[in-house]
Every structure is written in C-alpha cells, then in structure tokens.
C-alpha cells in the first residue's frame, strides 16, 4: 500500500481506464436490443399488411369455434354461471 491513500488512487485510475469499455458494452447492448425490437415491429407490420382487412383475428376464447365445440368458454362466463342461483338449489340455512 502506498502512503497517502495510494491504493484508492490506483483503484480509481484503474476504473477510469476501464470506463470506456463499460460504455461500449452498454451501447452494444442497447443497439442489439433496438435491432431485436425493430425486427419484431417489422414482422408485425408485414403481418398486418398481408391481412385482408389489416386486422388480427380475435384471440378471445368465446370467438373460437374449436373451443365452442368443446364447451369451453371464458372464465368470466364460467364464473357468472357458477354464481347464478339454481332453482333446484337447497337452502343450507336452517
């Protein structure tokens, strides 16, 4: 260890030497991220332009024919059905 806090200054100097590399790594990560996001947006644009009306099909369960055939529907509808009082329900209170 050097007198007068030489260790602090040597570590500080070493960090200053490495600082440009951290910035380059950060910029490289940022550029790669932007390229990935741009590619995704470009693919979505291609999909929208290739569609007939420029819209996507509905992703809701109640709009799917296959789900209707199986009797599967939205969880909100299932919850509503389960909460509905049945006329055959027996009162549990005495």
Protein backbone atom coordinates (compact mmCIF):
# COMPACT_ATOMS: atom_id res chain seq x y z
CA UNK A 1 0.00 0.00 0.00
CA UNK A 2 1.32 3.42 -0.91
CA UNK A 3 1.46 6.25 1.58
CA UNK A 4 -1.25 8.84 1.45
CA UNK A 5 -4.01 6.52 0.22
CA UNK A 6 -2.22 5.31 -2.89
CA UNK A 7 -4.47 2.27 -3.11
CA UNK A 8 -7.54 4.44 -3.53
CA UNK A 9 -5.97 6.41 -6.35
CA UNK A 10 -4.66 3.31 -8.11
CA UNK A 11 -8.13 1.70 -7.99
CA UNK A 12 -9.69 4.95 -9.14
CA UNK A 13 -7.20 5.21 -12.01
CA UNK A 14 -7.89 1.56 -12.97
CA UNK A 15 -11.64 2.24 -13.03
CA UNK A 16 -11.07 5.27 -15.24
CA UNK A 17 -9.09 3.11 -17.66
CA UNK A 18 -11.91 0.57 -17.89
CA UNK A 19 -14.73 3.11 -18.15
CA UNK A 20 -14.79 3.32 -21.99
CA UNK A 21 -15.22 -0.46 -22.17
CA UNK A 22 -18.31 -0.30 -19.97
CA UNK A 23 -19.80 2.37 -22.19
CA UNK A 24 -19.06 0.32 -25.31
CA UNK A 25 -20.73 -2.74 -23.78
CA UNK A 26 -23.72 -0.66 -22.81
CA UNK A 27 -24.03 0.86 -26.28
CA UNK A 28 -23.61 -2.57 -27.87
CA UNK A 29 -26.39 -3.99 -25.68
CA UNK A 30 -28.61 -1.04 -26.49
CA UNK A 31 -28.04 -1.41 -30.25
CA UNK A 32 -28.73 -5.16 -30.14
CA UNK A 33 -31.93 -4.54 -28.16
CA UNK A 34 -33.10 -1.90 -30.62
CA UNK A 35 -32.39 -4.22 -33.57
CA UNK A 36 -34.44 -7.01 -31.96
CA UNK A 37 -37.34 -4.65 -31.24
CA UNK A 38 -37.19 -3.22 -34.77
CA UNK A 39 -37.22 -6.73 -36.27
CA UNK A 40 -40.29 -7.63 -34.22
CA UNK A 41 -42.09 -4.46 -35.26
CA UNK A 42 -41.19 -5.12 -38.89
CA UNK A 43 -42.61 -8.64 -38.70
CA UNK A 44 -45.83 -7.32 -37.15
CA UNK A 45 -46.06 -4.74 -39.93
CA UNK A 46 -45.66 -7.44 -42.57
CA UNK A 47 -48.40 -9.50 -40.91
CA UNK A 48 -50.79 -6.54 -40.74
CA UNK A 49 -50.14 -5.57 -44.36
CA UNK A 50 -50.64 -9.14 -45.56
CA UNK A 51 -54.04 -9.44 -43.83
CA UNK A 52 -57.24 -8.85 -45.72
CA UNK A 53 -58.62 -6.07 -43.52
CA UNK A 54 -55.34 -5.26 -41.83
CA UNK A 55 -56.56 -6.64 -38.50
CA UNK A 56 -55.76 -9.68 -36.44
CA UNK A 57 -58.29 -12.36 -35.66
CA UNK A 58 -59.84 -12.32 -32.21
CA UNK A 59 -57.85 -14.11 -29.52
CA UNK A 60 -60.78 -14.44 -27.12
CA UNK A 61 -61.95 -17.91 -26.19
CA UNK A 62 -65.61 -17.13 -26.86
CA UNK A 63 -64.77 -16.34 -30.51
CA UNK A 64 -63.05 -19.68 -31.16
CA UNK A 65 -65.12 -22.34 -32.92
CA UNK A 66 -62.95 -25.18 -31.58
CA UNK A 67 -63.50 -24.02 -28.01
CA UNK A 68 -67.24 -23.68 -28.57
CA UNK A 69 -67.40 -27.27 -29.83
CA UNK A 70 -65.68 -28.47 -26.66
CA UNK A 71 -67.97 -26.41 -24.44
CA UNK A 72 -65.10 -24.27 -23.16
CA UNK A 73 -65.75 -20.59 -22.72
CA UNK A 74 -64.37 -17.53 -20.98
CA UNK A 75 -63.55 -17.77 -17.28
CA UNK A 76 -65.74 -14.73 -16.65
CA UNK A 77 -68.72 -16.54 -18.19
CA UNK A 78 -67.93 -19.70 -16.22
CA UNK A 79 -67.74 -17.69 -13.01
CA UNK A 80 -71.04 -15.98 -13.80
CA UNK A 81 -72.69 -19.37 -14.40
CA UNK A 82 -71.37 -20.80 -11.14
CA UNK A 83 -72.63 -17.81 -9.13
CA UNK A 84 -76.11 -17.94 -10.68
CA UNK A 85 -78.65 -19.39 -8.28
CA UNK A 86 -80.18 -22.61 -9.41
CA UNK A 87 -83.88 -23.12 -8.94
CA UNK A 88 -83.05 -26.61 -7.69
CA UNK A 89 -80.63 -25.37 -5.02
CA UNK A 90 -81.32 -26.44 -1.44
CA UNK A 91 -81.08 -23.79 1.25
CA UNK A 92 -78.26 -24.62 3.64
CA UNK A 93 -79.56 -22.43 6.43
CA UNK A 94 -81.85 -23.95 8.99
